[in-house]
C-alpha atoms as a PDB file:
ATOM      1  CA  MET A   1     -17.441   1.171  17.142  1.00  0.00           C
ATOM      2  CA  THR A   2     -13.747   1.093  16.581  1.00  0.00           C
ATOM      3  CA  THR A   3     -12.466  -0.257  12.880  1.00  0.00           C
ATOM      4  CA  ARG A   4     -10.580  -3.054  12.888  1.00  0.00           C
ATOM      5  CA  GLY A   5     -10.183  -3.830   9.540  1.00  0.00           C
ATOM      6  CA  LEU A   6      -9.615  -1.793   6.122  1.00  0.00           C
ATOM      7  CA  VAL A   7     -10.669  -3.224   2.830  1.00  0.00           C
ATOM      8  CA  LEU A   8      -8.875  -1.186   0.036  1.00  0.00           C
ATOM      9  CA  ASP A   9      -9.957  -0.986  -3.342  1.00  0.00           C
ATOM     10  CA  LEU A  10      -6.626  -0.908  -5.651  1.00  0.00           C
ATOM     11  CA  ASP A  11      -6.719   0.990  -9.087  1.00  0.00           C
ATOM     12  CA  GLY A  12      -8.548   4.741  -8.355  1.00  0.00           C
ATOM     13  CA  THR A  13      -7.840   4.191  -4.703  1.00  0.00           C
ATOM     14  CA  VAL A  14      -4.461   2.730  -4.221  1.00  0.00           C
ATOM     15  CA  ILE A  15      -2.999   3.060  -6.639  1.00  0.00           C
ATOM     16  CA  VAL A  16      -3.137   5.045 -10.614  1.00  0.00           C
ATOM     17  CA  GLY A  17      -1.470   3.635 -12.931  1.00  0.00           C
ATOM     18  CA  SER A  18       2.150   2.862 -12.248  1.00  0.00           C
ATOM     19  CA  ARG A  19       2.204   4.969  -9.908  1.00  0.00           C
ATOM     20  CA  VAL A  20       1.062   4.719  -5.817  1.00  0.00           C
ATOM     21  CA  VAL A  21      -1.525   8.014  -4.790  1.00  0.00           C
ATOM     22  CA  GLU A  22       0.064  10.408  -2.476  1.00  0.00           C
ATOM     23  CA  GLY A  23       0.238   9.091   1.507  1.00  0.00           C
ATOM     24  CA  ALA A  24      -1.170   5.831   0.563  1.00  0.00           C
ATOM     25  CA  VAL A  25       2.518   3.822   2.139  1.00  0.00           C
ATOM     26  CA  GLU A  26       2.480   5.996   5.352  1.00  0.00           C
ATOM     27  CA  TRP A  27      -1.155   5.917   5.946  1.00  0.00           C
ATOM     28  CA  ILE A  28      -1.961   2.410   4.945  1.00  0.00           C
ATOM     29  CA  ALA A  29       1.478   1.239   7.522  1.00  0.00           C
ATOM     30  CA  ALA A  30       0.122   3.380  10.302  1.00  0.00           C
ATOM     31  CA  CYS A  31      -3.375   1.624  10.170  1.00  0.00           C
ATOM     32  CA  ARG A  32      -1.172  -1.737  10.112  1.00  0.00           C
ATOM     33  CA  GLU A  33       0.735  -0.378  13.040  1.00  0.00           C
ATOM     34  CA  ALA A  34      -2.556   0.439  14.955  1.00  0.00           C
ATOM     35  CA  GLY A  35      -3.643  -3.212  14.293  1.00  0.00           C
ATOM     36  CA  MET A  36      -5.683  -2.643  11.881  1.00  0.00           C
ATOM     37  CA  ARG A  37      -6.083  -5.788   9.749  1.00  0.00           C
ATOM     38  CA  LEU A  38      -5.892  -5.298   5.724  1.00  0.00           C
ATOM     39  CA  ALA A  39      -7.591  -6.765   2.881  1.00  0.00           C
ATOM     40  CA  PHE A  40      -6.519  -5.605  -1.031  1.00  0.00           C
ATOM     41  CA  LEU A  41      -9.681  -5.943  -3.601  1.00  0.00           C
ATOM     42  CA  THR A  42      -9.480  -5.391  -6.757  1.00  0.00           C
ATOM     43  CA  ASN A  43     -12.003  -6.078  -9.915  1.00  0.00           C
ATOM     44  CA  ASN A  44      -9.263  -5.370 -12.227  1.00  0.00           C
ATOM     45  CA  SER A  45      -8.913  -9.179 -13.404  1.00  0.00           C
ATOM     46  CA  THR A  46      -6.043  -8.503 -15.385  1.00  0.00           C
ATOM     47  CA  TYR A  47      -4.203  -9.249 -12.292  1.00  0.00           C
ATOM     48  CA  SER A  48      -3.313 -12.582 -10.659  1.00  0.00           C
ATOM     49  CA  VAL A  49      -2.911 -12.650  -6.676  1.00  0.00           C
ATOM     50  CA  ARG A  50       0.665 -13.505  -7.339  1.00  0.00           C
ATOM     51  CA  TYR A  51       1.307 -10.205  -9.161  1.00  0.00           C
ATOM     52  CA  VAL A  52      -0.954  -7.858  -7.027  1.00  0.00           C
ATOM     53  CA  HIS A  53       1.776  -8.731  -3.792  1.00  0.00           C
ATOM     54  CA  TRP A  54       4.472  -7.956  -5.830  1.00  0.00           C
ATOM     55  CA  LYS A  55       3.296  -5.397  -7.532  1.00  0.00           C
ATOM     56  CA  LEU A  56       2.074  -3.444  -3.833  1.00  0.00           C
ATOM     57  CA  ARG A  57       5.426  -4.800  -2.284  1.00  0.00           C
ATOM     58  CA  SER A  58       7.752  -2.801  -4.862  1.00  0.00           C
ATOM     59  CA  LEU A  59       5.650   0.418  -4.594  1.00  0.00           C
ATOM     60  CA  GLY A  60       6.583   0.425  -0.864  1.00  0.00           C
ATOM     61  CA  ILE A  61       3.235  -1.180   0.459  1.00  0.00           C
ATOM     62  CA  GLU A  62       3.730  -4.421   2.640  1.00  0.00           C
ATOM     63  CA  CYS A  63       0.988  -6.760   2.180  1.00  0.00           C
ATOM     64  CA  ARG A  64       0.507 -10.690   2.277  1.00  0.00           C
ATOM     65  CA  MET A  65      -0.423 -12.810   0.061  1.00  0.00           C
ATOM     66  CA  ASP A  66      -3.118 -13.454   1.737  1.00  0.00           C
ATOM     67  CA  GLU A  67      -4.307 -10.107   1.906  1.00  0.00           C
ATOM     68  CA  VAL A  68      -4.854  -9.700  -1.532  1.00  0.00           C
ATOM     69  CA  MET A  69      -8.340 -10.853  -3.369  1.00  0.00           C
ATOM     70  CA  THR A  70      -8.624 -10.292  -7.161  1.00  0.00           C
ATOM     71  CA  SER A  71     -11.802 -10.690  -9.555  1.00  0.00           C
ATOM     72  CA  SER A  72      -9.269 -13.212 -11.363  1.00  0.00           C
ATOM     73  CA  HIS A  73      -9.030 -15.293  -8.147  1.00  0.00           C
ATOM     74  CA  ALA A  74     -12.820 -14.830  -7.177  1.00  0.00           C
ATOM     75  CA  THR A  75     -13.960 -16.150 -10.180  1.00  0.00           C
ATOM     76  CA  ALA A  76     -11.750 -19.452 -10.564  1.00  0.00           C
ATOM     77  CA  LYS A  77     -12.934 -19.931  -6.599  1.00  0.00           C
ATOM     78  CA  TYR A  78     -15.946 -19.239  -7.725  1.00  0.00           C
ATOM     79  CA  LEU A  79     -16.342 -21.917 -10.827  1.00  0.00           C
ATOM     80  CA  LEU A  80     -14.552 -24.518  -8.343  1.00  0.00           C
ATOM     81  CA  GLU A  81     -17.160 -24.357  -5.590  1.00  0.00           C
ATOM     82  CA  ASN A  82     -19.860 -24.459  -8.236  1.00  0.00           C
ATOM     83  CA  TYR A  83     -19.185 -26.280 -11.102  1.00  0.00           C
ATOM     84  CA  GLY A  84     -16.189 -28.188 -10.014  1.00  0.00           C
ATOM     85  CA  GLU A  85     -12.994 -28.101 -12.268  1.00  0.00           C
ATOM     86  CA  VAL A  86     -14.213 -26.420 -16.026  1.00  0.00           C
ATOM     87  CA  ARG A  87     -13.104 -25.970 -19.495  1.00  0.00           C
ATOM     88  CA  ALA A  88     -13.153 -22.631 -19.920  1.00  0.00           C
ATOM     89  CA  PHE A  89     -12.749 -20.233 -22.914  1.00  0.00           C
ATOM     90  CA  VAL A  90     -10.817 -17.105 -21.714  1.00  0.00           C
ATOM     91  CA  VAL A  91     -11.753 -13.401 -22.959  1.00  0.00           C
ATOM     92  CA  GLY A  92      -9.079 -12.052 -20.904  1.00  0.00           C
ATOM     93  CA  GLU A  93      -5.547 -11.350 -20.247  1.00  0.00           C
ATOM     94  CA  ALA A  94      -2.714 -13.507 -18.147  1.00  0.00           C
ATOM     95  CA  GLY A  95      -4.139 -12.963 -14.583  1.00  0.00           C
ATOM     96  CA  LEU A  96      -7.038 -14.322 -15.473  1.00  0.00           C
ATOM     97  CA  ILE A  97      -5.764 -17.201 -17.105  1.00  0.00           C
ATOM     98  CA  GLU A  98      -2.882 -17.997 -14.157  1.00  0.00           C
ATOM     99  CA  GLU A  99      -6.229 -17.854 -11.501  1.00  0.00           C
ATOM    100  CA  LEU A 100      -7.896 -20.279 -13.738  1.00  0.00           C
ATOM    101  CA  ILE A 101      -5.097 -22.858 -14.200  1.00  0.00           C
ATOM    102  CA  LYS A 102      -4.134 -22.625 -10.644  1.00  0.00           C
ATOM    103  CA  SER A 103      -7.401 -23.293  -9.481  1.00  0.00           C
ATOM    104  CA  GLY A 104      -7.610 -26.483 -11.825  1.00  0.00           C
ATOM    105  CA  HIS A 105      -9.438 -25.227 -14.855  1.00  0.00           C
ATOM    106  CA  LEU A 106      -8.222 -26.183 -17.923  1.00  0.00           C
ATOM    107  CA  VAL A 107      -8.067 -23.242 -20.259  1.00  0.00           C
ATOM    108  CA  VAL A 108      -9.988 -24.584 -23.954  1.00  0.00           C
ATOM    109  CA  GLY A 109     -10.826 -22.884 -27.308  1.00  0.00           C
ATOM    110  CA  ALA A 110     -14.310 -21.739 -27.547  1.00  0.00           C
ATOM    111  CA  ALA A 111     -16.049 -25.274 -29.002  1.00  0.00           C
ATOM    112  CA  GLU A 112     -14.663 -27.186 -26.645  1.00  0.00           C
ATOM    113  CA  SER A 113     -15.801 -25.173 -23.550  1.00  0.00           C
ATOM    114  CA  GLU A 114     -18.283 -25.309 -20.972  1.00  0.00           C
ATOM    115  CA  VAL A 115     -17.616 -21.714 -19.608  1.00  0.00           C
ATOM    116  CA  VAL A 116     -16.636 -18.681 -20.949  1.00  0.00           C
ATOM    117  CA  VAL A 117     -15.308 -16.488 -18.506  1.00  0.00           C
ATOM    118  CA  VAL A 118     -14.722 -13.036 -19.462  1.00  0.00           C
ATOM    119  CA  GLY A 119     -13.117 -10.094 -18.231  1.00  0.00           C
ATOM    120  CA  LEU A 120     -10.680  -6.730 -19.041  1.00  0.00           C
ATOM    121  CA  ASP A 121      -9.030  -7.871 -22.451  1.00  0.00           C
ATOM    122  CA  ARG A 122      -6.617  -4.621 -23.877  1.00  0.00           C
ATOM    123  CA  HIS A 123      -5.948  -7.135 -26.920  1.00  0.00           C
ATOM    124  CA  VAL A 124      -9.670  -8.695 -27.696  1.00  0.00           C
ATOM    125  CA  THR A 125     -10.086  -9.213 -31.518  1.00  0.00           C
ATOM    126  CA  TYR A 126     -13.702  -9.368 -33.114  1.00  0.00           C
ATOM    127  CA  SER A 127     -12.819 -13.153 -33.899  1.00  0.00           C
ATOM    128  CA  LYS A 128     -12.392 -13.833 -30.413  1.00  0.00           C
ATOM    129  CA  LEU A 129     -15.942 -11.832 -29.587  1.00  0.00           C
ATOM    130  CA  ALA A 130     -17.173 -13.997 -32.053  1.00  0.00           C
ATOM    131  CA  ASP A 131     -15.822 -17.179 -30.866  1.00  0.00           C
ATOM    132  CA  ALA A 132     -17.333 -16.646 -27.216  1.00  0.00           C
ATOM    133  CA  CYS A 133     -20.381 -15.098 -28.828  1.00  0.00           C
ATOM    134  CA  GLN A 134     -21.067 -18.513 -30.712  1.00  0.00           C
ATOM    135  CA  ALA A 135     -20.229 -20.520 -27.779  1.00  0.00           C
ATOM    136  CA  VAL A 136     -22.778 -18.886 -25.139  1.00  0.00           C
ATOM    137  CA  SER A 137     -25.047 -19.050 -27.852  1.00  0.00           C
ATOM    138  CA  SER A 138     -24.262 -22.750 -27.972  1.00  0.00           C
ATOM    139  CA  GLY A 139     -24.948 -23.659 -23.958  1.00  0.00           C
ATOM    140  CA  ALA A 140     -21.660 -22.569 -22.475  1.00  0.00           C
ATOM    141  CA  GLU A 141     -22.378 -21.200 -19.193  1.00  0.00           C
ATOM    142  CA  PHE A 142     -21.364 -17.327 -19.595  1.00  0.00           C
ATOM    143  CA  VAL A 143     -19.424 -15.714 -16.507  1.00  0.00           C
ATOM    144  CA  ALA A 144     -18.057 -12.713 -15.911  1.00  0.00           C
ATOM    145  CA  THR A 145     -15.031 -11.387 -13.767  1.00  0.00           C
ATOM    146  CA  ASN A 146     -16.873  -7.476 -13.274  1.00  0.00           C
ATOM    147  CA  ARG A 147     -18.858  -5.153 -14.738  1.00  0.00           C
ATOM    148  CA  ASP A 148     -16.763  -2.116 -14.139  1.00  0.00           C
ATOM    149  CA  ARG A 149     -17.343   0.637 -17.801  1.00  0.00           C
ATOM    150  CA  TYR A 150     -13.960   1.949 -17.009  1.00  0.00           C
ATOM    151  CA  LEU A 151     -10.411   1.298 -15.616  1.00  0.00           C
ATOM    152  CA  PRO A 152      -9.294   4.875 -14.406  1.00  0.00           C
ATOM    153  CA  LEU A 153      -5.308   5.414 -15.581  1.00  0.00           C
ATOM    154  CA  GLU A 154      -3.329   8.993 -15.210  1.00  0.00           C
ATOM    155  CA  GLY A 155      -5.085  11.670 -16.741  1.00  0.00           C
ATOM    156  CA  ARG A 156      -7.843   9.082 -18.298  1.00  0.00           C
ATOM    157  CA  ARG A 157      -9.981   6.463 -18.634  1.00  0.00           C
ATOM    158  CA  VAL A 158     -10.348   3.583 -20.102  1.00  0.00           C
ATOM    159  CA  PRO A 159     -13.403   0.902 -21.483  1.00  0.00           C
ATOM    160  CA  GLY A 160     -13.221  -1.866 -18.343  1.00  0.00           C
ATOM    161  CA  ALA A 161     -14.187  -5.589 -18.907  1.00  0.00           C
ATOM    162  CA  GLY A 162     -18.157  -4.185 -18.558  1.00  0.00           C
ATOM    163  CA  SER A 163     -17.665  -3.111 -21.897  1.00  0.00           C
ATOM    164  CA  ILE A 164     -16.628  -6.172 -23.641  1.00  0.00           C
ATOM    165  CA  VAL A 165     -19.209  -8.444 -21.233  1.00  0.00           C
ATOM    166  CA  ALA A 166     -22.029  -5.850 -23.060  1.00  0.00           C
ATOM    167  CA  PHE A 167     -20.896  -6.876 -26.198  1.00  0.00           C
ATOM    168  CA  ILE A 168     -21.165 -10.520 -25.556  1.00  0.00           C
ATOM    169  CA  GLU A 169     -24.351  -9.700 -23.990  1.00  0.00           C
ATOM    170  CA  THR A 170     -26.014  -7.975 -26.685  1.00  0.00           C
ATOM    171  CA  ALA A 171     -24.797 -10.277 -29.620  1.00  0.00           C
ATOM    172  CA  THR A 172     -26.420 -13.016 -27.241  1.00  0.00           C
ATOM    173  CA  ASN A 173     -29.499 -12.339 -25.702  1.00  0.00           C
ATOM    174  CA  ARG A 174     -27.587 -14.072 -22.410  1.00  0.00           C
ATOM    175  CA  THR A 175     -27.253 -12.147 -19.274  1.00  0.00           C
ATOM    176  CA  PRO A 176     -23.802 -13.484 -17.040  1.00  0.00           C
ATOM    177  CA  ILE A 177     -23.154 -14.147 -13.774  1.00  0.00           C
ATOM    178  CA  VAL A 178     -20.899 -11.959 -12.429  1.00  0.00           C
ATOM    179  CA  VAL A 179     -18.712 -12.484  -9.306  1.00  0.00           C
ATOM    180  CA  GLY A 180     -16.526  -9.095  -9.028  1.00  0.00           C
ATOM    181  CA  LYS A 181     -17.718  -5.986  -7.472  1.00  0.00           C
ATOM    182  CA  PRO A 182     -20.686  -4.720  -6.783  1.00  0.00           C
ATOM    183  CA  ASN A 183     -21.082  -8.822  -6.049  1.00  0.00           C
ATOM    184  CA  VAL A 184     -20.384  -9.057  -2.274  1.00  0.00           C
ATOM    185  CA  ALA A 185     -18.497 -12.423  -2.349  1.00  0.00           C
ATOM    186  CA  MET A 186     -15.249 -10.975  -2.459  1.00  0.00           C
ATOM    187  CA  LEU A 187     -15.754  -8.799   1.002  1.00  0.00           C
ATOM    188  CA  GLU A 188     -16.998 -12.105   2.473  1.00  0.00           C
ATOM    189  CA  ARG A 189     -14.411 -13.792   1.691  1.00  0.00           C
ATOM    190  CA  ALA A 190     -12.238 -11.092   2.796  1.00  0.00           C
ATOM    191  CA  LEU A 191     -14.433 -10.667   6.164  1.00  0.00           C
ATOM    192  CA  ARG A 192     -13.762 -14.390   6.756  1.00  0.00           C
ATOM    193  CA  ARG A 193     -10.149 -14.414   6.174  1.00  0.00           C
ATOM    194  CA  MET A 194      -9.422 -10.695   8.448  1.00  0.00           C
ATOM    195  CA  ARG A 195     -11.804 -13.118  10.782  1.00  0.00           C
ATOM    196  CA  LEU A 196     -13.757 -10.016  11.752  1.00  0.00           C
ATOM    197  CA  GLU A 197     -17.691  -8.650  11.600  1.00  0.00           C
ATOM    198  CA  ARG A 198     -19.052  -6.576   9.669  1.00  0.00           C
ATOM    199  CA  GLU A 199     -19.535  -3.238  11.962  1.00  0.00           C
ATOM    200  CA  GLU A 200     -15.852  -3.615  12.797  1.00  0.00           C
ATOM    201  CA  VAL A 201     -14.646  -3.103   9.109  1.00  0.00           C
ATOM    202  CA  VAL A 202     -14.398  -0.079   6.544  1.00  0.00           C
ATOM    203  CA  VAL A 203     -14.623  -0.228   2.675  1.00  0.00           C
ATOM    204  CA  ILE A 204     -12.376   2.175   0.945  1.00  0.00           C
ATOM    205  CA  GLY A 205     -13.199   3.018  -2.626  1.00  0.00           C
ATOM    206  CA  ASP A 206     -13.065   5.202  -5.588  1.00  0.00           C
ATOM    207  CA  ASN A 207     -16.442   4.007  -7.370  1.00  0.00           C
ATOM    208  CA  PRO A 208     -19.842   4.336  -6.055  1.00  0.00           C
ATOM    209  CA  GLU A 209     -21.061   1.673  -8.656  1.00  0.00           C
ATOM    210  CA  THR A 210     -18.996  -0.749  -7.268  1.00  0.00           C
ATOM    211  CA  ASP A 211     -17.461  -0.120  -4.381  1.00  0.00           C
ATOM    212  CA  ALA A 212     -20.295   1.951  -2.280  1.00  0.00           C
ATOM    213  CA  LYS A 213     -22.972  -1.100  -3.668  1.00  0.00           C
ATOM    214  CA  MET A 214     -21.015  -4.020  -2.408  1.00  0.00           C
ATOM    215  CA  ALA A 215     -20.269  -2.482   0.987  1.00  0.00           C
ATOM    216  CA  VAL A 216     -24.027  -0.901   1.103  1.00  0.00           C
ATOM    217  CA  ARG A 217     -25.286  -4.801   0.076  1.00  0.00           C
ATOM    218  CA  ALA A 218     -23.522  -6.652   2.916  1.00  0.00           C
ATOM    219  CA  GLY A 219     -23.792  -4.243   5.668  1.00  0.00           C
ATOM    220  CA  VAL A 220     -20.405  -2.826   5.730  1.00  0.00           C
ATOM    221  CA  SER A 221     -19.522   0.862   6.447  1.00  0.00           C
ATOM    222  CA  CYS A 222     -17.983   2.820   3.020  1.00  0.00           C
ATOM    223  CA  VAL A 223     -15.799   5.543   2.476  1.00  0.00           C
ATOM    224  CA  ILE A 224     -15.714   6.596  -1.321  1.00  0.00           C
ATOM    225  CA  VAL A 225     -12.669   8.927  -2.004  1.00  0.00           C
ATOM    226  CA  GLY A 226     -11.729  11.659  -4.800  1.00  0.00           C
ATOM    227  CA  LYS A 227     -15.058  12.169  -5.988  1.00  0.00           C
ATOM    228  CA  GLN A 228     -17.811  14.476  -4.801  1.00  0.00           C
ATOM    229  CA  PRO A 229     -20.450  13.479  -2.320  1.00  0.00           C
ATOM    230  CA  ASP A 230     -23.509  12.229  -3.993  1.00  0.00           C
ATOM    231  CA  PRO A 231     -26.939  12.245  -2.116  1.00  0.00           C
ATOM    232  CA  THR A 232     -27.909   8.933  -3.390  1.00  0.00           C
ATOM    233  CA  TRP A 233     -25.284   7.228  -1.636  1.00  0.00           C
ATOM    234  CA  THR A 234     -24.642   9.792   1.429  1.00  0.00           C
ATOM    235  CA  GLN A 235     -28.442   8.620   2.189  1.00  0.00           C
ATOM    236  CA  ARG A 236     -27.523   5.480   2.791  1.00  0.00           C
ATOM    237  CA  GLY A 237     -24.507   5.796   4.756  1.00  0.00           C
ATOM    238  CA  VAL A 238     -21.521   6.431   2.416  1.00  0.00           C
ATOM    239  CA  GLU A 239     -19.159   8.803   3.481  1.00  0.00           C
ATOM    240  CA  PHE A 240     -16.812  10.786   1.089  1.00  0.00           C
ATOM    241  CA  LYS A 241     -13.351  11.956   1.396  1.00  0.00           C
ATOM    242  CA  ARG A 242     -11.027  13.931  -0.893  1.00  0.00           C
ATOM    243  CA  ASN A 243      -8.367  11.487  -1.204  1.00  0.00           C
ATOM    244  CA  LEU A 244      -6.990   8.145   0.921  1.00  0.00           C
ATOM    245  CA  ALA A 245      -4.821  10.080   3.087  1.00  0.00           C
ATOM    246  CA  GLU A 246      -7.881  11.943   4.659  1.00  0.00           C
ATOM    247  CA  ALA A 247      -9.907   8.891   4.873  1.00  0.00           C
ATOM    248  CA  LEU A 248      -7.464   6.610   6.584  1.00  0.00           C
ATOM    249  CA  ALA A 249      -6.679   9.652   8.586  1.00  0.00           C
ATOM    250  CA  SER A 250     -10.490  10.179  10.079  1.00  0.00           C
ATOM    251  CA  LEU A 251     -10.380   6.456  10.989  1.00  0.00           C
ATOM    252  CA  LEU A 252      -7.312   6.442  12.256  1.00  0.00           C
ATOM    253  CA  LYS A 253      -8.145   9.320  14.896  1.00  0.00           C
ATOM    254  CA  GLY A 254     -11.859   8.131  15.221  1.00  0.00           C
ATOM    255  CA  ASN A 255     -10.376   4.969  16.746  1.00  0.00           C
ATOM    256  CA  SER A 256      -7.966   6.993  19.057  1.00  0.00           C
ATOM    257  CA  GLY A 257     -11.087   9.002  20.747  1.00  0.00           C
ATOM    258  CA  ASP A 258      -9.632  12.543  19.597  1.00  0.00           C
END
């Protein structure tokens, strides 16, 4: 079937650190010119939708605000849809706080919180973690933006939000609600925005643990870039390509019937 929509991961797929990956600008533009609808999904909770929109455009990738979804935005919407406006203690950065406030939630201290919201926090302290653990142990809901073990940067990996989530989970013996990938909620929201069916869309990412697992769970085709083929996933229909340019070129070629 013709691919009518692309769901693109960001970190490690379209961008690495502060740079855009080779060929991304040109091939993404070619896909848009071919009539494909686009969505940019990221588990990086330090990003707000507004920031991602600005960053992609500053790197030469044209996008609309409604084509962007972050785990911080998805978490804020999840809380609003399931609990209403809440008092939240946040272990996270400015992007997560911005999305929570935009959705009407109140960011408060641990002792006042109804929900502890945990994302990537590159300035987290032991004291803040201890406060989060106390709030969760006292009955606050425990919600994680994602469980990513690492964040890919140029030439290295750094601990992701999942490492912080694991700290609180271990200390409290409480399992969090996880909103981001591989949960299918962000992908399903993207499909609704694109007004496309599952079989018309391809997910492109770099992490089988999140991108491939989400796509397989949702019944959506998936291509993983920059990794060696893994039989665990190829047996489930996931394709592997050397890089983003190769993946997008292949999809465009498939659409042309060549």
